[in-house]
Amino acid sequence: GSCRSRKRCPGLKRGDAKMFNLFMTILKRDLTLSLRRKSDLAQVIFFFAVVVTLVPLGVGAETNILRSIAPGVVWVAALLAALLSLPRMFATDHEDGTLEQMLVAAEPVPVIVVAKVAAHWIVTGVPMTIFATIFGVMFDLELDVTLVMVASLLIGTPVLSLVGAVGAALTLGLRAGGVLTSLLVLPLYIPVLIFG
C-alpha cells in the first residue's frame, strides 16, 4: 500500500514517506509509458538476442571456445543494448515538456532521476538478465557458471543504467545525442565490463 501517513509506515518519517511516494509515482509512470511503447522494449531485447546468437555463427561450433567466451559475449551484448536504449531515458519527457515541469516543481530532483533510472533498469536490465539464462544453455555452460553470469548481470546492469543516465542527461536535446552519449558513456562502461 501507499505510505501517505506515518500510521501506515511507522518506520518512515513524513519527509521520507513523501520521497518514497514520489519515487513510486515516477517509477509506475515510466513503467506504464514503457509498456505502451512495446516496440522500443522489443528493439533492445531483440538487439541483445541477435548479438549473442550471431557470435557463435562467426566463431564456430567449438564447444570449449564457446564456453570460454560466453560470459564476455553476453556482457558486451548487454552493454551495447543498454547504449541503444539510453537516449530515450529522458528524451520523451523532454520533448513533451514533462521533464521541465518536474524540474520546476518543488520536488527533489535526485529522487526523480533515481526513479527514472530504476524504471530504465527494470525495462532493459531485468529482461536481459532473464534472457542470459537461456544463453547459458545455448553456450552449453554449466549451471554454476550460468548462475554467476546471471548474478553479475543482475548487479552490473543497474550500474549501466546509472552511468548511462549521466550521458543521456548531458546530451539531452542535441541532434546527434545518441552518438555523443555513446562517446561519453563507453569509456565509463569499460570498468563495469571488466568486473562483469
Protein backbone atom coordinates (compact mmCIF):
# COMPACT_ATOMS: atom_id res chain seq x y z
CA GLY A 1 0.00 0.00 0.00
CA SER A 2 0.93 3.67 -0.05
CA CYS A 3 2.85 5.39 2.72
CA ARG A 4 0.95 8.69 2.90
CA SER A 5 0.61 8.62 6.65
CA ARG A 6 3.06 7.71 9.36
CA LYS A 7 0.49 5.24 10.77
CA ARG A 8 0.81 3.08 7.66
CA CYS A 9 4.61 3.32 7.57
CA PRO A 10 5.76 3.85 11.16
CA GLY A 11 9.43 3.37 10.25
CA LEU A 12 9.42 6.31 7.82
CA LYS A 13 9.42 9.98 8.71
CA ARG A 14 7.00 12.28 6.91
CA GLY A 15 9.68 13.57 4.52
CA ASP A 16 10.91 10.05 3.78
CA ALA A 17 7.36 8.88 3.07
CA LYS A 18 6.85 11.82 0.70
CA MET A 19 10.06 10.98 -1.20
CA PHE A 20 9.11 7.31 -1.32
CA ASN A 21 5.68 8.22 -2.75
CA LEU A 22 7.34 10.47 -5.35
CA PHE A 23 9.77 7.68 -6.28
CA MET A 24 6.96 5.14 -6.69
CA THR A 25 4.81 7.58 -8.70
CA ILE A 26 7.60 8.33 -11.19
CA LEU A 27 8.57 4.65 -11.36
CA LYS A 28 5.00 3.50 -12.08
CA ARG A 29 4.53 6.28 -14.65
CA ASP A 30 7.72 5.44 -16.53
CA LEU A 31 6.99 1.71 -16.47
CA THR A 32 3.48 2.34 -17.82
CA LEU A 33 4.83 4.53 -20.62
CA SER A 34 7.50 1.95 -21.45
CA LEU A 35 4.91 -0.82 -21.68
CA ARG A 36 2.87 1.32 -24.06
CA ARG A 37 5.93 1.67 -26.31
CA LYS A 38 6.50 -2.06 -26.66
CA SER A 39 8.45 -1.61 -29.90
CA ASP A 40 11.26 0.21 -28.03
CA LEU A 41 11.43 -2.56 -25.44
CA ALA A 42 11.37 -5.26 -28.11
CA GLN A 43 14.12 -3.48 -30.07
CA VAL A 44 16.53 -3.59 -27.12
CA ILE A 45 15.83 -7.23 -26.29
CA PHE A 46 15.95 -8.24 -29.96
CA PHE A 47 19.30 -6.47 -30.41
CA PHE A 48 20.69 -8.20 -27.32
CA ALA A 49 19.50 -11.60 -28.54
CA VAL A 50 20.80 -11.07 -32.09
CA VAL A 51 24.30 -10.07 -30.94
CA VAL A 52 24.58 -13.06 -28.62
CA THR A 53 23.28 -15.56 -31.17
CA LEU A 54 25.37 -14.28 -34.10
CA VAL A 55 28.70 -14.65 -32.30
CA PRO A 56 28.63 -18.48 -32.27
CA LEU A 57 27.94 -18.43 -36.00
CA GLY A 58 31.03 -16.30 -36.57
CA VAL A 59 33.32 -18.06 -34.11
CA GLY A 60 32.35 -21.62 -34.92
CA ALA A 61 30.78 -24.55 -33.12
CA GLU A 62 33.80 -25.49 -30.98
CA THR A 63 32.25 -26.09 -27.56
CA ASN A 64 35.30 -25.16 -25.47
CA ILE A 65 35.73 -21.84 -27.28
CA LEU A 66 32.05 -21.00 -26.91
CA ARG A 67 32.15 -21.81 -23.19
CA SER A 68 35.18 -19.60 -22.63
CA ILE A 69 33.80 -16.57 -24.49
CA ALA A 70 30.14 -16.85 -23.44
CA PRO A 71 30.18 -14.51 -20.40
CA GLY A 72 32.14 -11.87 -22.30
CA VAL A 73 29.81 -12.06 -25.28
CA VAL A 74 26.71 -11.73 -23.11
CA TRP A 75 28.22 -8.77 -21.26
CA VAL A 76 29.25 -6.95 -24.45
CA ALA A 77 25.77 -7.53 -25.89
CA ALA A 78 24.17 -6.18 -22.69
CA LEU A 79 26.42 -3.12 -22.79
CA LEU A 80 25.58 -2.38 -26.43
CA ALA A 81 21.86 -2.93 -25.83
CA ALA A 82 21.99 -0.55 -22.86
CA LEU A 83 23.72 2.06 -25.05
CA LEU A 84 20.95 1.66 -27.63
CA SER A 85 18.24 2.44 -25.07
CA LEU A 86 19.92 5.35 -23.26
CA PRO A 87 18.81 8.28 -25.46
CA ARG A 88 15.14 7.53 -24.68
CA MET A 89 15.62 7.67 -20.91
CA PHE A 90 14.82 11.40 -20.71
CA ALA A 91 14.05 12.28 -24.35
CA THR A 92 10.29 11.67 -24.32
CA ASP A 93 9.74 13.74 -21.18
CA HIS A 94 11.98 16.47 -22.62
CA GLU A 95 10.02 16.63 -25.88
CA ASP A 96 6.56 16.96 -24.31
CA GLY A 97 7.66 19.35 -21.53
CA THR A 98 7.10 16.90 -18.65
CA LEU A 99 10.75 16.99 -17.64
CA GLU A 100 10.68 20.78 -17.39
CA GLN A 101 7.61 20.62 -15.15
CA MET A 102 9.33 18.06 -12.94
CA LEU A 103 12.35 20.34 -12.54
CA VAL A 104 10.20 23.41 -11.84
CA ALA A 105 8.15 21.61 -9.18
CA ALA A 106 9.39 21.71 -5.61
CA GLU A 107 10.22 18.02 -5.63
CA PRO A 108 13.74 16.62 -5.05
CA VAL A 109 15.35 16.08 -8.46
CA PRO A 110 17.63 13.20 -7.31
CA VAL A 111 14.57 11.14 -6.36
CA ILE A 112 13.03 11.75 -9.80
CA VAL A 113 16.26 10.79 -11.56
CA VAL A 114 16.77 7.63 -9.49
CA ALA A 115 13.16 6.59 -10.19
CA LYS A 116 13.67 7.08 -13.94
CA VAL A 117 16.93 5.11 -13.80
CA ALA A 118 15.20 2.32 -11.86
CA ALA A 119 12.44 2.19 -14.49
CA HIS A 120 15.06 2.02 -17.25
CA TRP A 121 16.80 -0.86 -15.47
CA ILE A 122 13.55 -2.79 -14.94
CA VAL A 123 12.64 -2.40 -18.61
CA THR A 124 16.08 -3.21 -20.08
CA GLY A 125 18.39 -4.76 -17.48
CA VAL A 126 15.97 -7.25 -15.95
CA PRO A 127 14.84 -8.79 -19.29
CA MET A 128 18.47 -9.08 -20.43
CA THR A 129 19.35 -10.83 -17.17
CA ILE A 130 16.47 -13.27 -17.63
CA PHE A 131 17.46 -13.98 -21.23
CA ALA A 132 21.04 -14.63 -20.09
CA THR A 133 19.88 -17.89 -18.51
CA ILE A 134 18.70 -19.08 -21.93
CA PHE A 135 22.01 -18.08 -23.49
CA GLY A 136 23.83 -20.04 -20.80
CA VAL A 137 22.07 -23.16 -22.08
CA MET A 138 22.79 -22.18 -25.70
CA PHE A 139 26.52 -21.83 -24.98
CA ASP A 140 26.47 -25.15 -23.08
CA LEU A 141 27.60 -23.53 -19.83
CA GLU A 142 27.49 -25.40 -16.55
CA LEU A 143 24.78 -24.38 -14.11
CA ASP A 144 27.14 -22.72 -11.62
CA VAL A 145 28.81 -20.67 -14.39
CA THR A 146 25.40 -19.60 -15.72
CA LEU A 147 24.29 -18.56 -12.23
CA VAL A 148 27.45 -16.48 -11.73
CA MET A 149 26.92 -14.82 -15.12
CA VAL A 150 23.28 -14.03 -14.31
CA ALA A 151 24.25 -12.71 -10.86
CA SER A 152 26.92 -10.45 -12.37
CA LEU A 153 24.36 -9.08 -14.84
CA LEU A 154 21.87 -8.54 -12.02
CA ILE A 155 24.48 -6.47 -10.15
CA GLY A 156 26.06 -4.80 -13.19
CA THR A 157 23.07 -3.74 -15.29
CA PRO A 158 21.85 -1.18 -12.69
CA VAL A 159 25.32 0.38 -12.91
CA LEU A 160 24.96 0.56 -16.70
CA SER A 161 21.67 2.42 -16.23
CA LEU A 162 23.10 4.78 -13.59
CA VAL A 163 26.21 5.68 -15.58
CA GLY A 164 24.20 5.91 -18.78
CA ALA A 165 21.78 8.37 -17.17
CA VAL A 166 24.62 10.88 -16.84
CA GLY A 167 25.44 10.66 -20.54
CA ALA A 168 21.76 10.75 -21.54
CA ALA A 169 21.20 13.87 -19.43
CA LEU A 170 24.28 15.66 -20.77
CA THR A 171 23.30 15.10 -24.42
CA LEU A 172 19.57 15.76 -23.99
CA GLY A 173 18.11 17.83 -26.79
CA LEU A 174 21.11 17.54 -29.13
CA ARG A 175 20.65 16.30 -32.70
CA ALA A 176 23.45 13.75 -32.51
CA GLY A 177 22.64 12.91 -28.91
CA GLY A 178 22.81 9.14 -29.38
CA VAL A 179 26.33 9.23 -30.83
CA LEU A 180 27.57 11.68 -28.19
CA THR A 181 26.01 9.60 -25.43
CA SER A 182 27.91 6.56 -26.68
CA LEU A 183 31.19 8.51 -26.82
CA LEU A 184 30.71 9.86 -23.31
CA VAL A 185 29.47 6.70 -21.65
CA LEU A 186 31.51 3.97 -23.36
CA PRO A 187 34.82 4.75 -21.54
CA LEU A 188 32.92 4.71 -18.23
CA TYR A 189 31.37 1.35 -19.11
CA ILE A 190 34.76 -0.34 -19.57
CA PRO A 191 35.40 -0.93 -15.81
CA VAL A 192 31.88 -2.35 -15.44
CA LEU A 193 32.52 -4.67 -18.37
CA ILE A 194 35.87 -5.82 -16.94
CA PHE A 195 34.46 -6.55 -13.49
CA GLY A 196 31.34 -8.16 -15.03
